[in-house]
Amino acid sequence: MNQKTSRANKSGSKSKASGGGSDPKKRRTVKSAAAAENKEPQSRRPKIEVPLNDEMDLIQAEDESSAPAGEKYSSRNIWNNDGLIRCPWALISSRMAAYHDLEWGIPSRDDRHIFKMLILEGMQAGLSWAVILRKSEFLEEAFDGFDPEKIAGYKSDKVEKLMSNPDIIRNKLKINAVISNAAAYLKLRREEGSLSDFLWKFVDDKPIINNWKVMSEVPSKTTLSDKISQELKKRGFKFVGSTIVYSLMQSIGLVNDHLKECSFRFKKPNPLPVLEGKTAPAK
């Protein structure tokens, strides 16, 4: 509530208390003034306020009136005016845009990369992906380049060292899950050949191509992610609930959830370089 509206309401309350009442016309005038003051001109492009971080940009986005309720910003948003249409979640920062352009939804069969993404997706539980991307380089350094052989051998002293590292996600359950997942990964690799082979067989080695128009249509999990989650849990993996697994499926390209209008849905155009002074994610 703004100050002018607050004062008007207090004035009205005092008049009622004194028995004088208030003029209905005056009440309508106050309401109209307050509404006019709070109403933003339709021609003005709303700004998305984002957390103040070194790599964050202030994004201007189009308010698309045709979007469903709850979808103020659609895929028509263009990051830094480079002319390329992106999925709305990529507009938070230059780092998110680069991840969207260069990695998300692109089929990967690199086993080490898939293991890394499994770890990062598990680390995300309860957090935003923007936080994980911002800390990904620190996490990779702290966890020995996500080398599963090294991680599987971590002892309590290493866990304590990780817990004292302010640059990573200091959650003991998650850290211990990374260690147990490394051991589970090595066991699965001996039995299945690779984590990549294990996961890709669920989609017959072909990405699932969806046809979403707006982000509200994109699911957070599916019956397939439920199935994969159950199989991973049986094999000793932790922090692999269905929602986390579906995020993994999206990140490594088992499923393509780029919106229909997204410029990066089927091909990878040259993205606008990350602005000077901004930190680009590792390619």
Protein backbone atom coordinates (compact mmCIF):
# COMPACT_ATOMS: atom_id res chain seq x y z
CA MET A 1 0.00 0.00 0.00
CA ASN A 2 1.45 3.40 -0.95
CA GLN A 3 1.63 6.32 1.49
CA LYS A 4 -1.01 8.41 -0.22
CA THR A 5 -3.55 5.59 -0.12
CA SER A 6 -2.65 4.91 3.51
CA ARG A 7 -3.23 8.54 4.53
CA ALA A 8 -6.54 8.59 2.65
CA ASN A 9 -7.72 5.49 4.45
CA LYS A 10 -6.73 6.92 7.85
CA SER A 11 -8.59 10.14 7.06
CA GLY A 12 -11.71 8.18 6.15
CA SER A 13 -11.48 6.20 9.38
CA LYS A 14 -11.27 9.39 11.47
CA SER A 15 -14.34 10.86 9.76
CA LYS A 16 -16.35 7.74 10.55
CA ALA A 17 -15.16 7.80 14.14
CA SER A 18 -16.36 11.40 14.56
CA GLY A 19 -19.78 10.46 13.23
CA GLY A 20 -19.51 12.65 10.14
CA GLY A 21 -19.22 9.75 7.70
CA SER A 22 -17.50 10.12 4.35
CA ASP A 23 -18.67 11.30 0.98
CA PRO A 24 -19.07 8.34 -1.46
CA LYS A 25 -17.89 10.57 -4.31
CA LYS A 26 -14.71 11.39 -2.38
CA ARG A 27 -14.12 7.69 -1.70
CA ARG A 28 -14.41 6.95 -5.42
CA THR A 29 -12.03 9.81 -6.17
CA VAL A 30 -9.43 8.45 -3.74
CA LYS A 31 -9.71 4.96 -5.23
CA SER A 32 -9.41 6.28 -8.77
CA ALA A 33 -6.33 8.31 -7.88
CA ALA A 34 -4.69 5.34 -6.18
CA ALA A 35 -5.47 3.05 -9.12
CA ALA A 36 -4.12 5.56 -11.61
CA GLU A 37 -0.96 6.00 -9.55
CA ASN A 38 -0.31 2.24 -9.35
CA LYS A 39 -1.26 1.43 -12.92
CA GLU A 40 1.66 1.15 -15.31
CA PRO A 41 1.14 2.42 -18.87
CA GLN A 42 0.58 -0.48 -21.26
CA SER A 43 3.21 0.84 -23.63
CA ARG A 44 5.93 0.55 -20.97
CA ARG A 45 7.95 -2.70 -20.99
CA PRO A 46 8.08 -4.15 -17.44
CA LYS A 47 11.45 -4.88 -15.94
CA ILE A 48 12.31 -8.11 -14.16
CA GLU A 49 14.15 -7.34 -10.94
CA VAL A 50 16.75 -10.04 -10.27
CA PRO A 51 19.12 -10.69 -7.34
CA LEU A 52 22.20 -8.47 -7.37
CA ASN A 53 25.03 -10.77 -8.42
CA ASP A 54 28.10 -10.08 -10.51
CA GLU A 55 26.80 -11.94 -13.53
CA MET A 56 23.19 -10.79 -13.32
CA ASP A 57 21.69 -8.47 -15.93
CA LEU A 58 18.54 -6.41 -15.71
CA ILE A 59 16.27 -7.92 -18.35
CA GLN A 60 13.54 -6.09 -20.16
CA ALA A 61 10.75 -8.39 -21.31
CA GLU A 62 7.59 -8.06 -23.32
CA ASP A 63 4.32 -8.45 -21.47
CA GLU A 64 2.44 -10.75 -23.83
CA SER A 65 -1.26 -10.33 -23.24
CA SER A 66 -2.02 -13.60 -25.03
CA ALA A 67 -0.06 -15.64 -22.49
CA PRO A 68 -2.07 -17.74 -20.03
CA ALA A 69 -2.56 -16.53 -16.46
CA GLY A 70 0.62 -16.81 -14.46
CA GLU A 71 2.83 -16.46 -17.54
CA LYS A 72 3.67 -12.80 -17.65
CA TYR A 73 6.82 -13.39 -19.64
CA SER A 74 6.77 -15.66 -22.68
CA SER A 75 9.31 -17.16 -25.06
CA ARG A 76 9.19 -13.94 -27.06
CA ASN A 77 11.62 -12.46 -24.58
CA ILE A 78 14.93 -11.72 -26.19
CA TRP A 79 18.06 -11.62 -24.05
CA ASN A 80 20.21 -8.51 -24.61
CA ASN A 81 18.36 -7.78 -27.87
CA ASP A 82 20.36 -10.30 -29.94
CA GLY A 83 17.24 -11.21 -31.92
CA LEU A 84 17.13 -14.83 -30.69
CA ILE A 85 14.03 -16.13 -28.93
CA ARG A 86 14.68 -18.08 -25.72
CA CYS A 87 12.70 -20.01 -23.14
CA PRO A 88 11.67 -17.53 -20.39
CA TRP A 89 13.76 -19.11 -17.61
CA ALA A 90 16.92 -18.32 -19.59
CA LEU A 91 16.37 -14.57 -19.18
CA ILE A 92 17.43 -14.35 -15.55
CA SER A 93 21.12 -13.75 -16.31
CA SER A 94 23.82 -13.98 -18.94
CA ARG A 95 24.99 -17.21 -17.32
CA MET A 96 21.54 -18.79 -17.55
CA ALA A 97 21.20 -17.65 -21.16
CA ALA A 98 24.56 -19.19 -22.06
CA TYR A 99 23.61 -22.48 -20.37
CA HIS A 100 20.30 -22.49 -22.25
CA ASP A 101 22.02 -21.76 -25.56
CA LEU A 102 25.01 -24.09 -25.29
CA GLU A 103 23.98 -27.05 -23.14
CA TRP A 104 20.34 -27.45 -22.14
CA GLY A 105 18.45 -29.98 -24.24
CA ILE A 106 21.43 -30.89 -26.41
CA PRO A 107 21.79 -34.71 -26.46
CA SER A 108 24.87 -35.82 -24.53
CA ARG A 109 26.36 -39.28 -24.36
CA ASP A 110 29.50 -38.18 -22.54
CA ASP A 111 29.42 -40.34 -19.42
CA ARG A 112 31.51 -37.99 -17.28
CA HIS A 113 29.32 -35.05 -18.27
CA ILE A 114 26.17 -37.01 -17.46
CA PHE A 115 27.60 -37.98 -14.06
CA LYS A 116 28.46 -34.34 -13.43
CA MET A 117 24.91 -33.24 -14.31
CA LEU A 118 23.47 -35.95 -12.06
CA ILE A 119 25.49 -34.48 -9.19
CA LEU A 120 24.56 -30.87 -9.97
CA GLU A 121 20.87 -31.69 -10.35
CA GLY A 122 20.96 -33.41 -6.96
CA MET A 123 22.70 -30.39 -5.46
CA GLN A 124 19.90 -28.20 -6.78
CA ALA A 125 17.24 -29.81 -4.56
CA GLY A 126 15.54 -26.94 -2.71
CA LEU A 127 17.59 -24.32 -4.57
CA SER A 128 17.44 -22.52 -7.90
CA TRP A 129 19.42 -23.58 -10.93
CA ALA A 130 20.89 -20.07 -11.06
CA VAL A 131 22.59 -20.76 -7.71
CA ILE A 132 24.00 -24.06 -8.98
CA LEU A 133 25.38 -22.50 -12.15
CA ARG A 134 26.98 -19.74 -10.13
CA LYS A 135 28.70 -22.30 -7.92
CA SER A 136 29.36 -24.99 -10.54
CA GLU A 137 33.02 -24.13 -11.07
CA PHE A 138 33.66 -24.15 -7.32
CA LEU A 139 31.81 -27.44 -6.97
CA GLU A 140 33.82 -29.01 -9.77
CA GLU A 141 37.07 -27.91 -8.17
CA ALA A 142 36.03 -29.04 -4.69
CA PHE A 143 34.92 -32.46 -5.96
CA ASP A 144 38.10 -33.20 -7.94
CA GLY A 145 36.63 -32.46 -11.34
CA PHE A 146 33.69 -34.77 -10.55
CA ASP A 147 36.00 -37.75 -10.91
CA PRO A 148 33.86 -40.68 -9.66
CA GLU A 149 36.87 -42.82 -8.73
CA LYS A 150 38.28 -40.11 -6.48
CA ILE A 151 34.93 -39.13 -5.01
CA ALA A 152 34.03 -42.72 -4.11
CA GLY A 153 37.15 -42.82 -1.93
CA TYR A 154 36.34 -39.75 0.15
CA LYS A 155 36.62 -40.20 3.92
CA SER A 156 35.26 -38.20 6.83
CA ASP A 157 38.14 -35.71 6.77
CA LYS A 158 37.32 -34.83 3.17
CA VAL A 159 33.66 -34.39 4.07
CA GLU A 160 34.61 -31.98 6.86
CA LYS A 161 36.84 -30.06 4.46
CA LEU A 162 33.95 -29.75 2.01
CA MET A 163 31.63 -28.63 4.79
CA SER A 164 34.03 -25.79 5.61
CA ASN A 165 34.17 -24.56 1.99
CA PRO A 166 31.98 -21.42 1.74
CA ASP A 167 31.95 -21.50 -2.07
CA ILE A 168 29.95 -24.73 -2.42
CA ILE A 169 26.61 -26.13 -1.23
CA ARG A 170 27.41 -27.03 2.37
CA ASN A 171 24.74 -29.60 2.99
CA LYS A 172 26.07 -32.78 4.59
CA LEU A 173 23.29 -34.96 3.23
CA LYS A 174 24.00 -33.77 -0.30
CA ILE A 175 27.77 -34.15 0.10
CA ASN A 176 27.38 -37.69 1.39
CA ALA A 177 24.97 -38.40 -1.47
CA VAL A 178 27.63 -37.33 -3.97
CA ILE A 179 30.03 -39.86 -2.45
CA SER A 180 27.49 -42.69 -2.44
CA ASN A 181 26.39 -41.77 -5.98
CA ALA A 182 29.98 -42.03 -7.17
CA ALA A 183 30.16 -45.57 -5.78
CA ALA A 184 26.77 -46.41 -7.31
CA TYR A 185 27.92 -44.97 -10.63
CA LEU A 186 31.06 -47.14 -10.69
CA LYS A 187 28.96 -50.23 -9.93
CA LEU A 188 26.41 -49.36 -12.63
CA ARG A 189 29.20 -48.79 -15.12
CA ARG A 190 30.58 -52.26 -14.46
CA GLU A 191 27.13 -53.78 -14.97
CA GLU A 192 25.70 -51.65 -17.79
CA GLY A 193 28.78 -50.34 -19.55
CA SER A 194 28.01 -46.70 -18.86
CA LEU A 195 25.48 -44.39 -17.23
CA SER A 196 24.86 -43.00 -20.70
CA ASP A 197 23.83 -46.39 -22.10
CA PHE A 198 21.67 -47.03 -19.04
CA LEU A 199 19.73 -43.75 -19.41
CA TRP A 200 19.43 -43.59 -23.18
CA LYS A 201 17.89 -47.05 -23.40
CA PHE A 202 14.79 -45.64 -21.66
CA VAL A 203 14.10 -43.50 -24.76
CA ASP A 204 15.29 -46.08 -27.31
CA ASP A 205 18.34 -43.91 -27.95
CA LYS A 206 16.20 -41.12 -29.45
CA PRO A 207 15.38 -37.82 -27.71
CA ILE A 208 11.76 -37.15 -26.85
CA ILE A 209 10.75 -33.99 -28.73
CA ASN A 210 7.93 -32.11 -27.04
CA ASN A 211 5.83 -29.32 -28.53
CA TRP A 212 5.18 -26.90 -25.70
CA LYS A 213 3.92 -23.40 -26.48
CA VAL A 214 4.26 -21.91 -22.99
CA MET A 215 6.27 -22.82 -19.90
CA SER A 216 3.17 -23.76 -17.89
CA GLU A 217 2.78 -26.77 -20.18
CA VAL A 218 6.23 -28.15 -19.36
CA PRO A 219 5.95 -30.89 -16.69
CA SER A 220 8.19 -31.14 -13.64
CA LYS A 221 8.12 -34.93 -13.88
CA THR A 222 6.58 -37.70 -15.98
CA THR A 223 5.81 -41.39 -15.73
CA LEU A 224 9.12 -42.02 -17.48
CA SER A 225 11.08 -39.95 -14.95
CA ASP A 226 9.23 -41.88 -12.24
CA LYS A 227 10.47 -45.13 -13.76
CA ILE A 228 14.07 -43.98 -14.15
CA SER A 229 14.05 -42.58 -10.61
CA GLN A 230 12.92 -45.93 -9.22
CA GLU A 231 15.63 -47.78 -11.16
CA LEU A 232 18.36 -45.41 -9.99
CA LYS A 233 17.22 -45.74 -6.38
CA LYS A 234 17.33 -49.53 -6.67
CA ARG A 235 20.95 -49.19 -7.76
CA GLY A 236 21.88 -47.14 -4.70
CA PHE A 237 21.65 -43.59 -6.05
CA LYS A 238 20.41 -40.81 -3.77
CA PHE A 239 18.81 -37.43 -4.45
CA VAL A 240 17.30 -38.91 -7.61
CA GLY A 241 13.60 -38.23 -7.10
CA SER A 242 11.40 -38.01 -10.18
CA THR A 243 11.60 -34.19 -10.41
CA ILE A 244 15.41 -34.24 -10.19
CA VAL A 245 15.56 -37.02 -12.78
CA TYR A 246 13.33 -35.09 -15.18
CA SER A 247 15.61 -32.07 -14.84
CA LEU A 248 18.53 -34.37 -15.66
CA MET A 249 16.65 -35.69 -18.70
CA GLN A 250 16.16 -32.12 -19.90
CA SER A 251 19.76 -31.09 -19.26
CA ILE A 252 21.35 -33.99 -21.17
CA GLY A 253 18.84 -34.00 -24.01
CA LEU A 254 16.87 -37.18 -23.32
CA VAL A 255 13.91 -34.86 -23.64
CA ASN A 256 13.76 -31.63 -25.62
CA ASP A 257 11.58 -29.14 -23.75
CA HIS A 258 12.57 -25.98 -25.59
CA LEU A 259 9.39 -24.10 -26.43
CA LYS A 260 8.17 -24.28 -30.03
CA GLU A 261 9.21 -20.69 -30.74
CA CYS A 262 12.64 -21.01 -29.11
CA SER A 263 15.50 -20.31 -31.51
CA PHE A 264 17.52 -23.10 -29.89
CA ARG A 265 14.99 -25.89 -30.19
CA PHE A 266 16.54 -27.84 -33.05
CA LYS A 267 19.71 -26.02 -33.91
CA LYS A 268 22.30 -24.07 -32.01
CA PRO A 269 22.62 -20.55 -33.48
CA ASN A 270 25.57 -18.43 -32.51
CA PRO A 271 24.58 -16.85 -29.19
CA LEU A 272 25.46 -13.32 -28.21
CA PRO A 273 28.82 -13.44 -26.37
CA VAL A 274 28.63 -12.97 -22.63
CA LEU A 275 29.02 -9.28 -21.85
CA GLU A 276 32.42 -7.96 -20.85
CA GLY A 277 32.96 -8.31 -17.14
CA LYS A 278 30.50 -11.18 -16.85
CA THR A 279 31.54 -14.72 -15.99
CA ALA A 280 30.80 -17.31 -18.68
CA PRO A 281 30.13 -20.92 -17.74
CA ALA A 282 32.62 -23.57 -18.74
CA LYS A 283 31.85 -24.97 -22.18
